[in-house]
Amino acid sequence: MLNEFIEEGKIFHCELIVPNDAIDQNGHMNNVVYVQWMQDVAVRHSELCGGTAAMESAGATWVVRSHTINYLSPAFAGDRIAAFTWVVDFQRVRSMRRYKFVRISDGKVLARGQTDWVFLNAENGRPRTIPEEVKVCFSTAPDFE
């Protein structure tokens, strides 16, 4: 089912490699790297689907309300990771985005996460309704286990 949604363009995916400098004192990738990756893949997805241009044209920006991450298994230096992200829904001023990180060599799910994004007027920083011009850039997809 995941592959169907990737083919339909509802799920963005890319490959990331765990850098040596991401390894912590426990010998695996530091958990905060996932937060950076969550933001990075969300931004990359938005840029590729036209969401960033539509947001800027609307005089708006996205900010994070919250990140939630479930760490399931450690990642190590040099691991190739498939990062998946998709938009689950749009509310008036918010959008929920999910993430899944999988080690390519063995298919092990390393982490799952979500970000609650809030759409703001770029000038005054106040929440504003997400315009259709932004919503249509993103296809929504359900959760995957």
Foldseek 3Di string as FASTA:
>chain_A
DVVVCVVVVQKDKDKDFAAPVQADPVQFGDPVVVVVVVVVRVVVSCVVLVLVVLLVVVQKDKDWPDKDKDFDATHHGGFMKMKMKGWADDDFFKTKMKIWIAGPVPRHTGMIMMTIMGMARNPPRHGGGDDPSNVVSHDHDHDDD
